[in-house]
Protein backbone atom coordinates (compact mmCIF):
# COMPACT_ATOMS: atom_id res chain seq x y z
CA MET A 1 33.71 3.23 -4.25
CA THR A 2 32.05 5.18 -1.54
CA ASN A 3 28.96 7.33 -1.82
CA LYS A 4 31.27 10.35 -1.52
CA GLY A 5 33.54 9.08 -4.32
CA PHE A 6 30.53 8.51 -6.57
CA TRP A 7 29.26 12.06 -6.08
CA GLU A 8 32.75 13.51 -6.60
CA ILE A 9 32.96 11.88 -10.03
CA ILE A 10 29.46 13.13 -10.90
CA SER A 11 30.38 16.63 -9.72
CA ASN A 12 33.53 16.64 -11.85
CA SER A 13 31.61 15.36 -14.87
CA LYS A 14 29.19 18.28 -14.72
CA GLU A 15 31.98 20.64 -15.78
CA TYR A 16 31.84 19.10 -19.26
CA GLY A 17 28.27 20.12 -20.09
CA ALA A 18 27.00 18.33 -23.20
CA GLU A 19 30.06 16.09 -23.07
CA GLN A 20 29.34 15.01 -19.48
CA ILE A 21 28.65 11.35 -20.25
CA GLU A 22 31.60 11.04 -22.63
CA TRP A 23 33.88 12.46 -19.94
CA LEU A 24 32.35 10.16 -17.33
CA ILE A 25 32.86 7.06 -19.46
CA ASN A 26 36.45 8.04 -20.25
CA GLU A 27 37.17 8.77 -16.59
CA LEU A 28 35.63 5.52 -15.41
CA SER A 29 37.52 3.52 -18.04
CA LYS A 30 40.78 4.72 -16.42
CA LYS A 31 39.75 3.11 -13.14
CA THR A 32 40.05 -0.54 -12.17
CA THR A 33 37.25 -2.91 -13.15
CA ASN A 34 36.46 -3.15 -9.44
CA GLU A 35 36.00 0.62 -9.20
CA ILE A 36 33.78 0.65 -12.29
CA ILE A 37 31.60 -2.06 -10.76
CA GLU A 38 31.44 -0.16 -7.47
CA PHE A 39 30.38 2.97 -9.38
CA GLU A 40 27.56 0.96 -10.96
CA ILE A 41 26.44 -0.35 -7.58
CA GLU A 42 26.32 3.21 -6.23
CA PHE A 43 24.44 4.34 -9.33
CA LYS A 44 21.88 1.54 -8.99
CA GLU A 45 21.39 2.44 -5.33
CA LYS A 46 20.54 6.01 -6.36
CA MET A 47 18.20 4.73 -9.09
CA GLU A 48 16.39 2.58 -6.53
CA ARG A 49 16.26 5.38 -3.97
CA SER A 50 14.71 7.73 -6.53
CA TYR A 51 12.09 5.20 -7.66
CA THR A 52 9.23 6.91 -5.85
CA SER A 53 5.64 7.63 -6.72
CA SER A 54 6.04 11.30 -5.87
CA LEU A 55 9.04 11.81 -8.15
CA TRP A 56 7.29 9.91 -10.93
CA GLY A 57 4.28 12.21 -10.60
CA ALA A 58 6.50 15.27 -10.88
CA ALA A 59 8.23 13.81 -13.95
CA PHE A 60 4.81 13.07 -15.45
CA VAL A 61 3.82 16.74 -15.11
CA ILE A 62 7.13 18.08 -16.45
CA MET A 63 7.18 15.82 -19.49
CA GLY A 64 3.45 15.64 -20.20
CA GLY A 65 3.48 11.92 -19.40
CA CYS A 66 6.16 9.49 -18.32
CA SER A 67 6.60 5.83 -19.26
CA ASP A 68 8.68 3.32 -17.26
CA ASP A 69 11.67 3.89 -19.55
CA GLY A 70 11.12 7.65 -19.54
CA PHE A 71 11.20 7.61 -15.73
CA ASP A 72 14.49 5.68 -15.81
CA TYR A 73 15.98 8.29 -18.17
CA PHE A 74 14.59 11.07 -15.98
CA ARG A 75 16.23 9.60 -12.88
CA GLY A 76 19.50 9.15 -14.81
CA TRP A 77 19.34 12.86 -15.63
CA LEU A 78 18.55 13.73 -12.01
CA ILE A 79 21.54 11.75 -10.72
CA ALA A 80 23.76 13.47 -13.28
CA GLN A 81 22.78 16.83 -11.72
CA GLY A 82 24.76 15.98 -8.60
CA GLU A 83 24.23 15.14 -4.96
CA GLU A 84 22.71 18.40 -3.78
CA VAL A 85 20.07 18.58 -6.51
CA PHE A 86 19.35 14.86 -6.21
CA ASN A 87 18.75 14.97 -2.46
CA LYS A 88 16.75 18.19 -2.50
CA VAL A 89 14.49 16.98 -5.30
CA LEU A 90 13.90 13.62 -3.60
CA ASN A 91 12.74 15.52 -0.52
CA ASN A 92 10.61 17.96 -2.54
CA PRO A 93 9.99 17.23 -6.25
CA GLU A 94 8.49 20.72 -6.72
CA LEU A 95 12.08 22.04 -6.49
CA LEU A 96 12.57 20.67 -10.00
CA ASN A 97 11.04 23.95 -11.14
CA GLU A 98 14.13 25.79 -9.86
CA TYR A 99 16.55 23.38 -11.52
CA LEU A 100 14.75 23.53 -14.85
CA SER A 101 15.17 27.27 -15.29
CA GLU A 102 15.04 28.73 -18.79
CA ASP A 103 18.81 29.38 -18.70
CA PHE A 104 19.44 25.81 -17.64
CA LEU A 105 17.23 24.39 -20.37
CA GLU A 106 19.05 26.45 -23.00
CA ASN A 107 22.35 24.87 -21.93
CA ASP A 108 21.09 21.31 -21.48
CA GLU A 109 19.10 20.19 -24.48
CA LEU A 110 18.78 16.67 -23.00
CA ALA A 111 16.95 17.79 -19.86
CA PRO A 112 15.14 16.19 -18.21
CA GLN A 113 16.17 12.81 -19.65
CA LEU A 114 19.61 11.27 -19.90
CA GLU A 115 19.39 7.69 -21.15
CA GLU A 116 23.18 7.46 -21.66
CA MET A 117 23.71 7.79 -17.90
CA LEU A 118 22.16 4.34 -17.45
CA SER A 119 24.97 2.63 -19.35
CA ALA A 120 27.97 4.81 -18.48
CA ALA A 121 29.60 2.23 -16.19
CA SER A 122 28.96 -0.73 -18.49
CA ASP A 123 30.29 1.29 -21.45
CA ALA A 124 33.45 2.12 -19.47
CA TYR A 125 33.83 -1.54 -18.48
CA THR A 126 33.45 -2.62 -22.11
CA TYR A 127 36.08 -0.11 -23.22
CA LYS A 128 38.44 -1.24 -20.46
CA LYS A 129 38.07 -4.88 -21.54
CA THR A 130 38.02 -4.46 -25.33
CA GLY A 131 39.55 -1.08 -26.13
CA GLU A 132 36.39 -0.24 -28.07
CA PHE A 133 33.21 1.63 -27.22
CA GLU A 134 31.07 -0.66 -29.36
CA TYR A 135 28.45 -2.67 -27.46
CA ASN A 136 29.60 -6.19 -26.67
CA ASP A 137 26.94 -8.58 -25.39
CA ILE A 138 29.43 -10.96 -23.77
CA ILE A 139 31.29 -8.21 -21.91
CA THR A 140 28.07 -6.50 -20.85
CA THR A 141 26.73 -9.79 -19.47
CA GLU A 142 30.04 -10.31 -17.65
CA PHE A 143 29.76 -6.80 -16.19
CA PHE A 144 26.26 -7.30 -14.82
CA ASN A 145 27.17 -10.76 -13.49
CA GLU A 146 30.08 -9.14 -11.61
CA VAL A 147 27.74 -6.51 -10.18
CA GLU A 148 25.33 -9.23 -9.03
CA THR A 149 28.08 -11.33 -7.42
CA ARG A 150 28.86 -8.31 -5.26
CA GLY A 151 25.41 -8.37 -3.77
CA HIS A 152 23.42 -6.12 -6.05
CA GLU A 153 20.56 -7.98 -7.65
CA PHE A 154 18.53 -6.43 -10.41
CA ILE A 155 15.13 -7.21 -9.01
CA PRO A 156 12.42 -4.83 -10.16
CA VAL A 157 10.99 -2.85 -7.29
CA ASP A 158 7.25 -2.40 -7.21
CA ILE A 159 5.93 0.92 -6.08
CA GLU A 160 2.35 1.86 -5.59
CA ILE A 161 1.49 4.96 -7.56
CA ASP A 162 -0.41 7.10 -5.08
CA TRP A 163 -1.73 9.62 -7.57
CA GLU A 164 -4.07 9.84 -10.53
CA GLU A 165 -3.52 12.28 -13.39
CA GLU A 166 -6.35 14.46 -12.11
CA ASP A 167 -4.53 14.77 -8.74
CA LEU A 168 -1.31 16.17 -10.18
CA ALA A 169 -2.41 19.83 -10.42
CA GLU A 170 -3.13 19.87 -6.70
CA ARG A 171 -0.14 17.77 -5.69
CA PHE A 172 2.41 19.71 -7.77
CA PRO A 173 0.92 23.20 -8.21
CA VAL A 174 4.20 24.94 -9.15
CA LEU A 175 5.19 22.34 -11.72
CA TRP A 176 1.62 22.10 -13.03
CA GLU A 177 1.35 25.84 -13.58
CA ARG A 178 4.58 25.91 -15.53
CA PHE A 179 4.58 22.63 -17.49
CA ASN A 180 0.93 21.55 -17.91
CA GLU A 181 0.44 23.51 -21.11
CA ASN A 182 4.09 23.33 -22.22
CA PRO A 183 5.71 20.02 -21.20
CA LEU A 184 9.39 19.44 -21.94
CA THR A 185 8.92 16.33 -24.11
């Protein structure tokens, strides 16, 4: 699956609102196992690309703190917003303020975290193999082994956090003004 194909699927999934991940899993499960694995590789590439200190600082302000897992869920949500939002926010995390409008937040009660996005491909793979959506340790291990054999290793990336909490108001003034007293989580 190409980068373009990945973003097309994400774009189509956005039409389903609160059912976005269910639609995505169903759509992926109709594809070949190879295509599901390629989707996961593209997804992991976007997760790695978005693993930046600056984005983590912005997420910290928006949510009133942000753990490792919380940052993963945040980046899953960001990817689910589509290519344009993803790229713009990576270049300027302050733009998150625009994408977290009051109207948007009313329609997306999961914002800005989407944990289910992290397992969409493995859930589709499991369904394709078993006909069930129930977690299956053997099939999930098989899935991740297949992803690794195609050259994508799951090696944690270390980033150096280049901010302290007291720096965030200056670094992200727009987000700080809006979310400091009223974080989303």
